[in-house]
Amino acid sequence: MNTEELFNLTATYLSVLRVEHVIMVKLIMEVAGGRINCSRLIRVLGSHIEKENDVLTKHGLTLSSIKQLRSLYEECYEACIEGKLTNRELSSLLTTIKSHDDELRSLMDELVNRYFSEVANEILTEA
């Protein structure tokens, strides 16, 4: 990846994905409190998983936690349709999103460090 691709990936795509993690936590809280229907959370989560998978695949990156998140999404989807989504499942989803976000943060840290190094090298090369 060149510096422009690294910038776009970290400053836009991955940053937005992390913000979506925070939004999903808010939605989990709203569902647990009975303020919104679980279908809204499930729609946002499903869309997020697909978007994240597309971004990572496009750049040849993977996160092991995405499989666990997708599996839990499918369980929550079924439970929501049946009207049986419990706070225990929501808590499990919250824990999984936290773990997944930690993995994404680590990947971002690695990419940002690589970006800084490559920009420094470009500056030195141009000098």
Protein backbone atom coordinates (compact mmCIF):
# COMPACT_ATOMS: atom_id res chain seq x y z
CA MET A 1 0.00 0.00 0.00
CA ASN A 2 1.28 3.45 -0.83
CA THR A 3 1.02 6.40 1.54
CA GLU A 4 -2.19 7.70 -0.05
CA GLU A 5 -3.88 4.30 0.33
CA LEU A 6 -2.69 4.04 3.94
CA PHE A 7 -4.04 7.51 4.67
CA ASN A 8 -7.43 6.79 3.11
CA LEU A 9 -7.72 3.43 4.84
CA THR A 10 -6.85 4.68 8.33
CA ALA A 11 -8.24 8.23 8.28
CA THR A 12 -11.53 7.38 6.64
CA TYR A 13 -12.63 3.77 6.29
CA LEU A 14 -11.27 2.22 9.48
CA SER A 15 -12.01 5.31 11.57
CA VAL A 16 -15.64 5.24 10.43
CA LEU A 17 -15.88 1.53 11.25
CA ARG A 18 -14.68 2.22 14.79
CA VAL A 19 -17.28 4.99 15.18
CA GLU A 20 -19.91 2.50 14.05
CA HIS A 21 -18.80 0.19 16.88
CA VAL A 22 -19.59 2.97 19.35
CA ILE A 23 -22.97 3.54 17.70
CA MET A 24 -23.77 -0.17 17.97
CA VAL A 25 -23.00 -0.10 21.69
CA LYS A 26 -25.49 2.76 22.04
CA LEU A 27 -28.07 0.74 20.11
CA ILE A 28 -27.47 -2.29 22.35
CA MET A 29 -28.13 -0.08 25.35
CA GLU A 30 -31.33 1.24 23.75
CA VAL A 31 -32.58 -2.28 22.95
CA ALA A 32 -31.75 -3.52 26.47
CA GLY A 33 -33.69 -0.58 27.91
CA GLY A 34 -36.68 -1.31 25.68
CA ARG A 35 -36.42 2.08 23.94
CA ILE A 36 -35.96 0.69 20.42
CA ASN A 37 -36.80 -2.55 18.66
CA CYS A 38 -33.99 -5.07 18.17
CA SER A 39 -34.55 -5.04 14.39
CA ARG A 40 -32.85 -1.64 14.13
CA LEU A 41 -29.75 -2.96 15.91
CA ILE A 42 -29.73 -6.07 13.74
CA ARG A 43 -29.98 -4.03 10.51
CA VAL A 44 -27.12 -1.74 11.57
CA LEU A 45 -24.97 -4.67 12.70
CA GLY A 46 -25.56 -6.67 9.51
CA SER A 47 -24.76 -3.68 7.32
CA HIS A 48 -21.66 -2.93 9.38
CA ILE A 49 -20.31 -6.47 9.10
CA GLU A 50 -20.70 -6.43 5.32
CA LYS A 51 -19.13 -2.98 4.98
CA GLU A 52 -16.21 -3.92 7.21
CA ASN A 53 -15.66 -7.19 5.37
CA ASP A 54 -15.66 -5.34 2.02
CA VAL A 55 -13.14 -2.73 3.20
CA LEU A 56 -10.78 -5.27 4.75
CA THR A 57 -10.99 -7.67 1.81
CA LYS A 58 -10.36 -4.86 -0.68
CA HIS A 59 -7.10 -4.09 1.13
CA GLY A 60 -6.09 -7.70 1.72
CA LEU A 61 -6.66 -7.48 5.48
CA THR A 62 -8.48 -9.78 7.86
CA LEU A 63 -9.62 -9.74 11.46
CA SER A 64 -10.15 -13.07 13.18
CA SER A 65 -12.91 -11.62 15.37
CA ILE A 66 -15.16 -10.90 12.39
CA LYS A 67 -16.14 -14.58 12.25
CA GLN A 68 -17.26 -14.54 15.87
CA LEU A 69 -19.13 -11.28 15.31
CA ARG A 70 -20.88 -12.67 12.23
CA SER A 71 -21.86 -15.85 14.10
CA LEU A 72 -23.28 -13.87 17.01
CA TYR A 73 -25.09 -11.59 14.56
CA GLU A 74 -26.81 -14.64 13.06
CA GLU A 75 -27.87 -15.85 16.52
CA CYS A 76 -29.18 -12.41 17.49
CA TYR A 77 -30.95 -12.08 14.13
CA GLU A 78 -32.86 -15.31 14.74
CA ALA A 79 -33.65 -14.38 18.35
CA CYS A 80 -34.86 -10.93 17.28
CA ILE A 81 -37.15 -12.37 14.60
CA GLU A 82 -38.61 -14.75 17.18
CA GLY A 83 -38.99 -11.91 19.69
CA LYS A 84 -36.65 -13.68 22.10
CA LEU A 85 -33.50 -11.54 22.11
CA THR A 86 -32.35 -11.47 25.74
CA ASN A 87 -30.13 -9.09 27.66
CA ARG A 88 -27.69 -12.00 28.05
CA GLU A 89 -27.35 -12.16 24.25
CA LEU A 90 -27.03 -8.37 24.10
CA SER A 91 -24.29 -8.53 26.73
CA SER A 92 -22.49 -11.21 24.72
CA LEU A 93 -22.81 -9.03 21.62
CA LEU A 94 -21.37 -6.07 23.54
CA THR A 95 -18.39 -8.15 24.70
CA THR A 96 -17.79 -9.43 21.17
CA ILE A 97 -17.94 -5.93 19.68
CA LYS A 98 -15.45 -4.72 22.32
CA SER A 99 -13.05 -7.55 21.49
CA HIS A 100 -13.51 -6.93 17.78
CA ASP A 101 -12.91 -3.20 18.23
CA ASP A 102 -9.70 -3.96 20.15
CA GLU A 103 -8.48 -6.03 17.21
CA LEU A 104 -9.40 -3.29 14.73
CA ARG A 105 -7.63 -0.70 16.92
CA SER A 106 -4.46 -2.80 16.92
CA LEU A 107 -4.61 -3.08 13.14
CA MET A 108 -5.11 0.68 12.85
CA ASP A 109 -2.16 1.34 15.17
CA GLU A 110 0.03 -0.85 12.99
CA LEU A 111 -1.13 0.87 9.79
CA VAL A 112 -0.75 4.38 11.24
CA ASN A 113 2.79 3.57 12.36
CA ARG A 114 3.53 2.25 8.87
CA TYR A 115 2.05 5.42 7.38
CA PHE A 116 4.27 7.65 9.55
CA SER A 117 7.35 5.64 8.60
CA GLU A 118 6.58 5.74 4.90
CA VAL A 119 5.89 9.49 4.95
CA ALA A 120 9.18 10.05 6.80
CA ASN A 121 10.99 7.96 4.20
CA GLU A 122 9.38 9.91 1.36
CA ILE A 123 10.40 13.21 2.95
CA LEU A 124 13.98 12.01 3.34
CA THR A 125 14.04 10.72 -0.23
CA GLU A 126 12.86 14.08 -1.56
CA ALA A 127 15.41 16.03 0.49
